[in-house]
N, C-alpha and C. Protein backbone atom coordinates (compact mmCIF):
# COMPACT_ATOMS: atom_id res chain seq x y z
N MET A 1 20.49 -22.24 60.24
CA MET A 1 21.30 -21.13 59.81
C MET A 1 22.12 -21.50 58.57
N THR A 2 22.51 -22.77 58.48
CA THR A 2 23.30 -23.21 57.35
C THR A 2 22.46 -23.16 56.07
N ARG A 3 21.20 -23.54 56.19
CA ARG A 3 20.32 -23.46 55.02
C ARG A 3 20.15 -22.03 54.54
N LEU A 4 20.01 -21.12 55.46
CA LEU A 4 19.85 -19.71 55.11
C LEU A 4 21.07 -19.20 54.36
N ARG A 5 22.26 -19.59 54.79
CA ARG A 5 23.48 -19.18 54.10
C ARG A 5 23.54 -19.80 52.69
N ALA A 6 23.08 -21.04 52.57
CA ALA A 6 23.09 -21.70 51.26
C ALA A 6 22.14 -21.00 50.30
N TYR A 7 20.96 -20.62 50.76
CA TYR A 7 20.00 -19.88 49.92
C TYR A 7 20.55 -18.51 49.53
N ALA A 8 21.16 -17.83 50.46
CA ALA A 8 21.73 -16.51 50.18
C ALA A 8 22.86 -16.61 49.17
N LEU A 9 23.73 -17.62 49.34
CA LEU A 9 24.84 -17.82 48.41
C LEU A 9 24.32 -18.16 47.01
N THR A 10 23.32 -19.03 46.93
CA THR A 10 22.72 -19.41 45.64
C THR A 10 22.09 -18.19 44.98
N SER A 11 21.39 -17.39 45.74
CA SER A 11 20.77 -16.17 45.20
C SER A 11 21.81 -15.20 44.66
N CYS A 12 22.89 -15.02 45.39
CA CYS A 12 23.95 -14.12 44.93
C CYS A 12 24.59 -14.62 43.64
N ILE A 13 24.83 -15.92 43.57
CA ILE A 13 25.44 -16.48 42.36
C ILE A 13 24.52 -16.29 41.16
N LEU A 14 23.22 -16.55 41.34
CA LEU A 14 22.27 -16.37 40.23
C LEU A 14 22.17 -14.91 39.81
N CYS A 15 22.16 -14.01 40.77
CA CYS A 15 22.08 -12.57 40.42
C CYS A 15 23.33 -12.12 39.68
N LEU A 16 24.48 -12.59 40.13
CA LEU A 16 25.71 -12.20 39.44
C LEU A 16 25.81 -12.83 38.07
N ALA A 17 25.26 -14.03 37.91
CA ALA A 17 25.28 -14.67 36.59
C ALA A 17 24.42 -13.89 35.60
N ALA A 18 23.38 -13.24 36.07
CA ALA A 18 22.52 -12.46 35.19
C ALA A 18 23.20 -11.18 34.72
N CYS A 19 24.26 -10.77 35.42
CA CYS A 19 24.95 -9.54 35.05
C CYS A 19 25.95 -9.74 33.93
N THR A 20 26.30 -10.95 33.60
CA THR A 20 27.27 -11.17 32.52
C THR A 20 26.61 -10.93 31.17
N THR A 21 27.43 -10.66 30.14
CA THR A 21 26.89 -10.39 28.81
C THR A 21 26.28 -11.64 28.20
N GLY A 22 26.94 -12.75 28.31
CA GLY A 22 26.38 -13.99 27.82
C GLY A 22 26.30 -14.08 26.31
N GLY A 23 26.55 -13.03 25.61
CA GLY A 23 26.43 -13.02 24.16
C GLY A 23 27.75 -13.34 23.50
N PRO A 24 27.82 -13.09 22.20
CA PRO A 24 29.08 -13.38 21.50
C PRO A 24 30.18 -12.45 21.97
N ASP A 25 31.38 -12.96 21.94
CA ASP A 25 32.52 -12.18 22.37
C ASP A 25 32.84 -11.12 21.32
N LEU A 26 32.85 -9.87 21.73
CA LEU A 26 33.16 -8.78 20.80
C LEU A 26 34.67 -8.69 20.63
N SER A 27 35.09 -8.48 19.40
CA SER A 27 36.53 -8.52 19.11
C SER A 27 37.29 -7.40 19.81
N ASN A 28 36.70 -6.21 19.89
CA ASN A 28 37.44 -5.11 20.52
C ASN A 28 36.99 -4.86 21.95
N GLY A 29 36.07 -5.65 22.45
CA GLY A 29 35.64 -5.51 23.84
C GLY A 29 34.63 -4.40 24.05
N SER A 30 34.14 -3.76 23.03
CA SER A 30 33.18 -2.66 23.16
C SER A 30 31.76 -3.21 23.28
N PRO A 31 30.96 -2.65 24.18
CA PRO A 31 29.57 -3.11 24.30
C PRO A 31 28.65 -2.50 23.23
N TYR A 32 29.17 -1.64 22.39
CA TYR A 32 28.36 -0.94 21.40
C TYR A 32 28.36 -1.68 20.07
N ALA A 33 27.41 -1.33 19.23
CA ALA A 33 27.31 -1.92 17.90
C ALA A 33 28.54 -1.55 17.07
N PRO A 34 28.89 -2.38 16.12
CA PRO A 34 30.07 -2.07 15.31
C PRO A 34 29.83 -0.84 14.43
N ASP A 35 30.91 -0.19 14.07
CA ASP A 35 30.81 0.99 13.23
C ASP A 35 30.35 0.62 11.82
N VAL A 36 29.80 1.62 11.13
CA VAL A 36 29.37 1.43 9.75
C VAL A 36 30.59 1.58 8.86
N ASP A 37 30.71 0.66 7.92
CA ASP A 37 31.80 0.74 6.95
C ASP A 37 31.39 1.71 5.85
N ARG A 38 31.87 2.93 5.94
CA ARG A 38 31.47 3.97 4.99
C ARG A 38 32.12 3.78 3.62
N SER A 39 33.11 2.95 3.53
CA SER A 39 33.75 2.72 2.23
C SER A 39 33.00 1.67 1.41
N ALA A 40 32.10 0.94 2.04
CA ALA A 40 31.33 -0.09 1.33
C ALA A 40 30.26 0.57 0.45
N ALA A 41 29.82 -0.16 -0.56
CA ALA A 41 28.78 0.35 -1.46
C ALA A 41 27.44 0.38 -0.72
N SER A 42 26.70 1.46 -0.92
CA SER A 42 25.40 1.57 -0.25
C SER A 42 24.33 0.85 -1.07
N VAL A 43 23.25 0.50 -0.40
CA VAL A 43 22.15 -0.19 -1.05
C VAL A 43 21.29 0.86 -1.76
N ASP A 44 20.80 0.54 -2.94
CA ASP A 44 19.97 1.44 -3.73
C ASP A 44 18.71 1.80 -2.95
N GLY A 45 18.41 3.09 -2.87
CA GLY A 45 17.23 3.55 -2.13
C GLY A 45 15.93 3.06 -2.72
N VAL A 46 15.87 2.87 -4.03
CA VAL A 46 14.67 2.36 -4.68
C VAL A 46 14.43 0.92 -4.25
N LEU A 47 15.48 0.13 -4.20
CA LEU A 47 15.36 -1.26 -3.76
C LEU A 47 14.89 -1.33 -2.31
N VAL A 48 15.45 -0.47 -1.47
CA VAL A 48 15.03 -0.42 -0.07
C VAL A 48 13.55 -0.03 0.02
N GLY A 49 13.15 0.94 -0.78
CA GLY A 49 11.75 1.37 -0.78
C GLY A 49 10.79 0.26 -1.16
N TRP A 50 11.14 -0.52 -2.21
CA TRP A 50 10.27 -1.63 -2.63
C TRP A 50 10.23 -2.72 -1.58
N ARG A 51 11.34 -2.97 -0.91
CA ARG A 51 11.34 -3.96 0.17
C ARG A 51 10.46 -3.51 1.32
N LEU A 52 10.50 -2.24 1.63
CA LEU A 52 9.64 -1.71 2.69
C LEU A 52 8.17 -1.75 2.27
N MET A 53 7.91 -1.52 0.98
CA MET A 53 6.53 -1.64 0.48
C MET A 53 6.02 -3.07 0.66
N ASP A 54 6.86 -4.04 0.34
CA ASP A 54 6.48 -5.45 0.50
C ASP A 54 6.21 -5.78 1.96
N ALA A 55 6.92 -5.11 2.86
CA ALA A 55 6.73 -5.35 4.29
C ALA A 55 5.56 -4.56 4.85
N GLY A 56 4.93 -3.70 4.05
CA GLY A 56 3.80 -2.91 4.52
C GLY A 56 4.19 -1.65 5.27
N GLU A 57 5.44 -1.26 5.20
CA GLU A 57 5.93 -0.05 5.88
C GLU A 57 5.92 1.10 4.88
N TYR A 58 4.74 1.67 4.66
CA TYR A 58 4.57 2.64 3.59
C TYR A 58 5.24 3.98 3.89
N GLU A 59 5.18 4.44 5.12
CA GLU A 59 5.83 5.71 5.46
C GLU A 59 7.34 5.61 5.29
N LEU A 60 7.91 4.50 5.75
CA LEU A 60 9.36 4.31 5.60
C LEU A 60 9.72 4.15 4.12
N ALA A 61 8.86 3.49 3.36
CA ALA A 61 9.10 3.35 1.93
C ALA A 61 9.09 4.72 1.26
N MET A 62 8.16 5.57 1.67
CA MET A 62 8.10 6.93 1.11
C MET A 62 9.40 7.67 1.40
N ASP A 63 9.90 7.55 2.63
CA ASP A 63 11.17 8.19 2.97
C ASP A 63 12.32 7.65 2.12
N ALA A 64 12.34 6.33 1.91
CA ALA A 64 13.40 5.73 1.10
C ALA A 64 13.33 6.22 -0.35
N PHE A 65 12.13 6.31 -0.90
CA PHE A 65 12.00 6.78 -2.28
C PHE A 65 12.37 8.26 -2.39
N ILE A 66 12.03 9.04 -1.39
CA ILE A 66 12.40 10.46 -1.43
C ILE A 66 13.91 10.62 -1.34
N ARG A 67 14.56 9.82 -0.47
CA ARG A 67 16.03 9.87 -0.40
C ARG A 67 16.64 9.44 -1.73
N ALA A 68 16.07 8.42 -2.36
CA ALA A 68 16.57 7.99 -3.66
C ALA A 68 16.37 9.09 -4.70
N GLY A 69 15.27 9.83 -4.58
CA GLY A 69 15.02 10.94 -5.49
C GLY A 69 16.02 12.06 -5.32
N VAL A 70 16.46 12.27 -4.09
CA VAL A 70 17.48 13.30 -3.85
C VAL A 70 18.79 12.88 -4.49
N GLU A 71 19.12 11.59 -4.39
CA GLU A 71 20.38 11.11 -4.96
C GLU A 71 20.32 10.99 -6.48
N GLN A 72 19.21 10.47 -7.02
CA GLN A 72 19.14 10.16 -8.44
C GLN A 72 18.38 11.19 -9.27
N GLY A 73 17.64 12.06 -8.63
CA GLY A 73 16.84 13.03 -9.35
C GLY A 73 15.40 12.54 -9.51
N ARG A 74 14.56 13.36 -10.11
CA ARG A 74 13.13 13.03 -10.28
C ARG A 74 12.95 12.19 -11.54
N THR A 75 13.41 10.97 -11.47
CA THR A 75 13.28 10.07 -12.62
C THR A 75 11.86 9.52 -12.66
N PRO A 76 11.43 9.02 -13.81
CA PRO A 76 10.10 8.42 -13.89
C PRO A 76 9.93 7.24 -12.93
N GLU A 77 11.00 6.50 -12.70
CA GLU A 77 10.93 5.37 -11.77
C GLU A 77 10.64 5.85 -10.35
N ILE A 78 11.30 6.91 -9.93
CA ILE A 78 11.09 7.46 -8.58
C ILE A 78 9.68 8.03 -8.47
N LEU A 79 9.25 8.79 -9.49
CA LEU A 79 7.91 9.38 -9.45
C LEU A 79 6.83 8.30 -9.40
N ALA A 80 6.99 7.24 -10.17
CA ALA A 80 6.02 6.15 -10.16
C ALA A 80 6.02 5.45 -8.81
N ALA A 81 7.20 5.29 -8.22
CA ALA A 81 7.28 4.64 -6.91
C ALA A 81 6.59 5.49 -5.84
N VAL A 82 6.81 6.79 -5.86
CA VAL A 82 6.15 7.68 -4.89
C VAL A 82 4.63 7.65 -5.10
N GLY A 83 4.21 7.64 -6.36
CA GLY A 83 2.78 7.53 -6.64
C GLY A 83 2.19 6.23 -6.14
N THR A 84 2.94 5.14 -6.27
CA THR A 84 2.47 3.84 -5.80
C THR A 84 2.36 3.82 -4.29
N VAL A 85 3.32 4.42 -3.60
CA VAL A 85 3.25 4.49 -2.13
C VAL A 85 2.05 5.32 -1.71
N ASN A 86 1.82 6.44 -2.40
CA ASN A 86 0.65 7.26 -2.07
C ASN A 86 -0.64 6.48 -2.29
N LEU A 87 -0.69 5.68 -3.33
CA LEU A 87 -1.86 4.83 -3.58
C LEU A 87 -2.06 3.85 -2.43
N ALA A 88 -0.97 3.23 -1.99
CA ALA A 88 -1.06 2.26 -0.90
C ALA A 88 -1.52 2.92 0.40
N MET A 89 -1.17 4.18 0.59
CA MET A 89 -1.58 4.89 1.80
C MET A 89 -2.94 5.53 1.66
N GLY A 90 -3.56 5.43 0.48
CA GLY A 90 -4.89 6.00 0.29
C GLY A 90 -4.91 7.46 -0.10
N ARG A 91 -3.78 8.01 -0.42
CA ARG A 91 -3.69 9.40 -0.85
C ARG A 91 -3.88 9.46 -2.36
N LEU A 92 -5.13 9.38 -2.78
CA LEU A 92 -5.43 9.20 -4.20
C LEU A 92 -5.07 10.42 -5.05
N GLY A 93 -5.31 11.61 -4.55
CA GLY A 93 -4.99 12.82 -5.31
C GLY A 93 -3.50 12.95 -5.56
N GLN A 94 -2.70 12.74 -4.52
CA GLN A 94 -1.25 12.82 -4.67
C GLN A 94 -0.73 11.69 -5.56
N ALA A 95 -1.32 10.50 -5.40
CA ALA A 95 -0.91 9.36 -6.22
C ALA A 95 -1.17 9.65 -7.69
N GLU A 96 -2.35 10.19 -7.99
CA GLU A 96 -2.68 10.49 -9.39
C GLU A 96 -1.72 11.51 -9.97
N ASP A 97 -1.41 12.55 -9.20
CA ASP A 97 -0.49 13.58 -9.70
C ASP A 97 0.89 13.00 -10.02
N LYS A 98 1.44 12.21 -9.10
CA LYS A 98 2.78 11.66 -9.30
C LYS A 98 2.81 10.64 -10.45
N LEU A 99 1.76 9.82 -10.54
CA LEU A 99 1.74 8.83 -11.62
C LEU A 99 1.60 9.51 -12.98
N ARG A 100 0.77 10.55 -13.07
CA ARG A 100 0.65 11.27 -14.34
C ARG A 100 1.96 11.96 -14.71
N GLU A 101 2.65 12.50 -13.70
CA GLU A 101 3.93 13.14 -13.94
C GLU A 101 4.97 12.11 -14.43
N ALA A 102 4.94 10.91 -13.85
CA ALA A 102 5.85 9.85 -14.29
C ALA A 102 5.54 9.43 -15.73
N LEU A 103 4.25 9.38 -16.08
CA LEU A 103 3.87 8.98 -17.43
C LEU A 103 4.20 10.05 -18.46
N LYS A 104 4.22 11.32 -18.05
CA LYS A 104 4.64 12.37 -18.98
C LYS A 104 6.12 12.20 -19.34
N ALA A 105 6.90 11.75 -18.37
CA ALA A 105 8.34 11.57 -18.61
C ALA A 105 8.63 10.28 -19.37
N ASP A 106 7.89 9.20 -19.06
CA ASP A 106 8.11 7.91 -19.72
C ASP A 106 6.79 7.15 -19.73
N ASP A 107 6.17 7.08 -20.91
CA ASP A 107 4.86 6.44 -21.00
C ASP A 107 4.92 4.99 -21.46
N SER A 108 6.07 4.35 -21.30
CA SER A 108 6.22 2.98 -21.77
C SER A 108 6.13 1.94 -20.64
N GLN A 109 5.83 2.36 -19.44
CA GLN A 109 5.77 1.44 -18.30
C GLN A 109 4.34 1.00 -18.03
N ALA A 110 4.07 -0.26 -18.25
CA ALA A 110 2.71 -0.78 -18.06
C ALA A 110 2.29 -0.72 -16.59
N GLU A 111 3.24 -0.93 -15.67
CA GLU A 111 2.91 -0.90 -14.24
C GLU A 111 2.42 0.47 -13.81
N THR A 112 3.02 1.51 -14.34
CA THR A 112 2.61 2.87 -14.00
C THR A 112 1.21 3.14 -14.53
N TRP A 113 0.93 2.71 -15.77
CA TRP A 113 -0.42 2.86 -16.33
C TRP A 113 -1.43 2.08 -15.48
N ASN A 114 -1.05 0.88 -15.06
CA ASN A 114 -1.95 0.07 -14.24
C ASN A 114 -2.26 0.77 -12.92
N ASN A 115 -1.22 1.30 -12.26
CA ASN A 115 -1.44 1.97 -10.97
C ASN A 115 -2.31 3.21 -11.13
N LEU A 116 -2.13 3.94 -12.23
CA LEU A 116 -2.99 5.09 -12.48
C LEU A 116 -4.44 4.64 -12.70
N GLY A 117 -4.62 3.54 -13.41
CA GLY A 117 -5.97 3.00 -13.59
C GLY A 117 -6.61 2.60 -12.27
N VAL A 118 -5.83 2.03 -11.38
CA VAL A 118 -6.35 1.64 -10.06
C VAL A 118 -6.75 2.89 -9.27
N VAL A 119 -5.93 3.93 -9.34
CA VAL A 119 -6.27 5.18 -8.65
C VAL A 119 -7.60 5.72 -9.18
N LEU A 120 -7.76 5.73 -10.48
CA LEU A 120 -8.99 6.26 -11.07
C LEU A 120 -10.20 5.40 -10.70
N MET A 121 -10.01 4.08 -10.63
CA MET A 121 -11.12 3.23 -10.19
C MET A 121 -11.49 3.52 -8.74
N GLU A 122 -10.48 3.72 -7.90
CA GLU A 122 -10.75 4.04 -6.50
C GLU A 122 -11.50 5.37 -6.37
N LYS A 123 -11.25 6.29 -7.29
CA LYS A 123 -11.94 7.57 -7.28
C LYS A 123 -13.31 7.50 -7.94
N GLY A 124 -13.64 6.36 -8.56
CA GLY A 124 -14.93 6.20 -9.20
C GLY A 124 -14.98 6.67 -10.63
N GLU A 125 -13.85 6.95 -11.24
CA GLU A 125 -13.78 7.42 -12.62
C GLU A 125 -13.55 6.21 -13.53
N PHE A 126 -14.57 5.40 -13.69
CA PHE A 126 -14.43 4.11 -14.38
C PHE A 126 -14.18 4.22 -15.89
N PRO A 127 -14.83 5.13 -16.62
CA PRO A 127 -14.54 5.19 -18.06
C PRO A 127 -13.08 5.54 -18.37
N GLU A 128 -12.53 6.52 -17.66
CA GLU A 128 -11.12 6.87 -17.88
C GLU A 128 -10.20 5.74 -17.40
N ALA A 129 -10.56 5.11 -16.28
CA ALA A 129 -9.77 3.98 -15.78
C ALA A 129 -9.75 2.85 -16.79
N GLU A 130 -10.88 2.63 -17.45
CA GLU A 130 -10.94 1.58 -18.47
C GLU A 130 -9.97 1.87 -19.61
N GLN A 131 -9.95 3.12 -20.09
CA GLN A 131 -9.05 3.48 -21.18
C GLN A 131 -7.59 3.32 -20.77
N ILE A 132 -7.27 3.74 -19.58
CA ILE A 132 -5.89 3.67 -19.10
C ILE A 132 -5.47 2.22 -18.90
N LEU A 133 -6.37 1.41 -18.37
CA LEU A 133 -6.03 0.00 -18.17
C LEU A 133 -5.93 -0.75 -19.50
N ARG A 134 -6.68 -0.32 -20.50
CA ARG A 134 -6.51 -0.91 -21.84
C ARG A 134 -5.11 -0.62 -22.38
N LYS A 135 -4.64 0.60 -22.14
CA LYS A 135 -3.28 0.97 -22.56
C LYS A 135 -2.24 0.12 -21.82
N ALA A 136 -2.44 -0.05 -20.52
CA ALA A 136 -1.51 -0.88 -19.73
C ALA A 136 -1.52 -2.32 -20.22
N TYR A 137 -2.70 -2.83 -20.53
CA TYR A 137 -2.83 -4.20 -21.02
C TYR A 137 -2.13 -4.37 -22.36
N ALA A 138 -2.26 -3.35 -23.22
CA ALA A 138 -1.60 -3.40 -24.53
C ALA A 138 -0.08 -3.33 -24.38
N LEU A 139 0.42 -2.47 -23.49
CA LEU A 139 1.85 -2.36 -23.29
C LEU A 139 2.43 -3.65 -22.70
N ASP A 140 1.64 -4.33 -21.90
CA ASP A 140 2.09 -5.55 -21.22
C ASP A 140 1.91 -6.79 -22.09
N ASN A 141 1.25 -6.64 -23.22
CA ASN A 141 0.93 -7.76 -24.12
C ASN A 141 0.08 -8.82 -23.44
N GLY A 142 -0.70 -8.40 -22.46
CA GLY A 142 -1.61 -9.32 -21.79
C GLY A 142 -0.94 -10.34 -20.90
N GLU A 143 0.30 -10.12 -20.49
CA GLU A 143 1.04 -11.10 -19.70
C GLU A 143 0.77 -11.01 -18.21
N SER A 144 0.35 -9.86 -17.72
CA SER A 144 0.16 -9.69 -16.29
C SER A 144 -1.28 -10.00 -15.89
N ASP A 145 -1.41 -10.90 -14.93
CA ASP A 145 -2.75 -11.23 -14.44
C ASP A 145 -3.37 -10.07 -13.68
N ALA A 146 -2.55 -9.30 -12.97
CA ALA A 146 -3.07 -8.17 -12.18
C ALA A 146 -3.67 -7.12 -13.11
N ILE A 147 -2.99 -6.80 -14.19
CA ILE A 147 -3.51 -5.80 -15.13
C ILE A 147 -4.79 -6.32 -15.78
N ARG A 148 -4.81 -7.58 -16.14
CA ARG A 148 -6.01 -8.17 -16.76
C ARG A 148 -7.18 -8.12 -15.78
N ASP A 149 -6.95 -8.46 -14.51
CA ASP A 149 -8.02 -8.43 -13.52
C ASP A 149 -8.53 -7.01 -13.27
N ASN A 150 -7.60 -6.06 -13.24
CA ASN A 150 -8.01 -4.67 -13.05
C ASN A 150 -8.83 -4.17 -14.24
N LEU A 151 -8.45 -4.58 -15.45
CA LEU A 151 -9.21 -4.19 -16.63
C LEU A 151 -10.61 -4.80 -16.60
N ARG A 152 -10.70 -6.05 -16.20
CA ARG A 152 -12.01 -6.68 -16.08
C ARG A 152 -12.89 -5.94 -15.07
N LEU A 153 -12.31 -5.56 -13.96
CA LEU A 153 -13.07 -4.83 -12.94
C LEU A 153 -13.53 -3.48 -13.46
N ALA A 154 -12.65 -2.78 -14.18
CA ALA A 154 -13.03 -1.47 -14.74
C ALA A 154 -14.12 -1.63 -15.78
N LEU A 155 -14.02 -2.67 -16.61
CA LEU A 155 -15.06 -2.91 -17.62
C LEU A 155 -16.40 -3.23 -16.96
N ALA A 156 -16.38 -4.02 -15.91
CA ALA A 156 -17.61 -4.38 -15.23
C ALA A 156 -18.26 -3.17 -14.56
N ASN A 157 -17.43 -2.26 -14.05
CA ASN A 157 -17.98 -1.09 -13.38
C ASN A 157 -18.36 0.04 -14.33
N SER A 158 -17.77 0.05 -15.53
CA SER A 158 -18.08 1.15 -16.45
C SER A 158 -19.31 0.87 -17.29
N VAL A 159 -19.73 -0.37 -17.37
CA VAL A 159 -20.92 -0.71 -18.16
C VAL A 159 -22.15 -0.30 -17.35
N GLN A 160 -22.96 0.56 -17.94
CA GLN A 160 -24.17 1.01 -17.28
C GLN A 160 -25.31 0.06 -17.66
N PRO A 161 -26.01 -0.47 -16.69
CA PRO A 161 -27.13 -1.35 -17.04
C PRO A 161 -28.22 -0.55 -17.75
N SER A 162 -28.77 -1.14 -18.78
CA SER A 162 -29.80 -0.44 -19.54
C SER A 162 -31.17 -0.98 -19.13
N TYR A 163 -31.80 -0.29 -18.26
CA TYR A 163 -33.15 -0.63 -17.84
C TYR A 163 -34.13 0.16 -18.68
N GLY A 164 -35.35 -0.30 -18.69
CA GLY A 164 -36.39 0.45 -19.37
C GLY A 164 -36.66 1.76 -18.65
N GLU A 165 -37.53 2.53 -19.21
CA GLU A 165 -37.84 3.82 -18.59
C GLU A 165 -38.45 3.59 -17.21
N GLN A 166 -38.02 4.39 -16.30
CA GLN A 166 -38.54 4.30 -14.95
C GLN A 166 -39.93 4.94 -14.90
N LYS A 167 -40.86 4.22 -14.33
CA LYS A 167 -42.19 4.78 -14.17
C LYS A 167 -42.30 5.34 -12.77
N SER A 168 -42.73 6.55 -12.72
CA SER A 168 -42.91 7.17 -11.43
C SER A 168 -44.33 6.88 -10.94
N GLN A 169 -44.43 6.31 -9.79
CA GLN A 169 -45.73 5.91 -9.24
C GLN A 169 -45.83 6.46 -7.82
N GLU A 170 -46.93 7.06 -7.53
CA GLU A 170 -47.19 7.57 -6.19
C GLU A 170 -47.86 6.48 -5.37
N TYR A 171 -47.45 6.36 -4.14
CA TYR A 171 -48.04 5.38 -3.23
C TYR A 171 -48.52 6.09 -1.99
N LYS A 172 -49.49 5.44 -1.34
CA LYS A 172 -49.94 5.97 -0.05
C LYS A 172 -50.08 4.81 0.92
N LEU A 173 -49.91 5.12 2.18
CA LEU A 173 -49.99 4.14 3.24
C LEU A 173 -51.39 4.16 3.82
N VAL A 174 -52.06 3.01 3.81
CA VAL A 174 -53.44 2.90 4.28
C VAL A 174 -53.43 2.02 5.52
N ARG A 175 -54.04 2.53 6.59
CA ARG A 175 -54.09 1.78 7.83
C ARG A 175 -55.31 0.87 7.83
N ARG A 176 -55.07 -0.40 8.16
CA ARG A 176 -56.16 -1.38 8.26
C ARG A 176 -56.11 -1.99 9.65
N GLY A 177 -56.97 -1.59 10.49
CA GLY A 177 -56.99 -2.10 11.85
C GLY A 177 -56.05 -1.32 12.74
N SER A 178 -55.65 -1.95 13.86
CA SER A 178 -54.84 -1.23 14.84
C SER A 178 -53.35 -1.27 14.52
N SER A 179 -52.84 -2.36 13.91
CA SER A 179 -51.41 -2.42 13.62
C SER A 179 -51.12 -3.01 12.25
N ASP A 180 -52.04 -2.90 11.34
CA ASP A 180 -51.87 -3.45 10.01
C ASP A 180 -51.92 -2.31 9.01
N TYR A 181 -50.87 -2.27 8.14
CA TYR A 181 -50.79 -1.21 7.14
C TYR A 181 -50.69 -1.83 5.76
N LEU A 182 -51.17 -1.10 4.77
CA LEU A 182 -51.14 -1.56 3.39
C LEU A 182 -50.65 -0.42 2.52
N ILE A 183 -49.75 -0.74 1.59
CA ILE A 183 -49.27 0.26 0.65
C ILE A 183 -50.05 0.09 -0.64
N ARG A 184 -50.70 1.20 -1.07
CA ARG A 184 -51.51 1.16 -2.30
C ARG A 184 -51.07 2.27 -3.24
N PRO A 185 -51.15 1.96 -4.54
CA PRO A 185 -50.86 3.04 -5.50
C PRO A 185 -52.00 4.05 -5.51
N THR A 186 -51.65 5.30 -5.67
CA THR A 186 -52.69 6.32 -5.75
C THR A 186 -53.26 6.34 -7.16
N PRO A 187 -54.59 6.52 -7.28
CA PRO A 187 -55.20 6.53 -8.62
C PRO A 187 -54.91 7.78 -9.39
């Protein structure tokens, strides 16, 4: 009976120990998270969006860029960022529209030209992508490896191989034996 009481007492002590907070002591004794300091400076929504893009959280990045657009207006930086997020999510039509709109407002950003070139390559429009990536490469003075690689890819895909004239030849299948077939040109 003494052992049973010892086990019961040990069990009760362990269960009660699990009920304690065990964490850091809160200054005001509240179990809730601390309040937000609304007087502090907020973090730039564009910066938050790019951090979320780096983390692969494209939907959250889109929300951050849209919130930044509400605060700052439809600047070329915001439009290019939204276009880049759309590109990352595979929304090529929306990405192209936003990137072109950003370039109408400010055509001096090599990154925006590069992203538009990538969108066009994804859509299979290699000749236009080549021209746009050449512009991005020129604006960047050839310093970016990513733009250079994208231009190389566009050039490789836009070059059409020049084969000789295709000869059209008719063929027929000739059976030889029970399971042997031969392909012969028709005379």
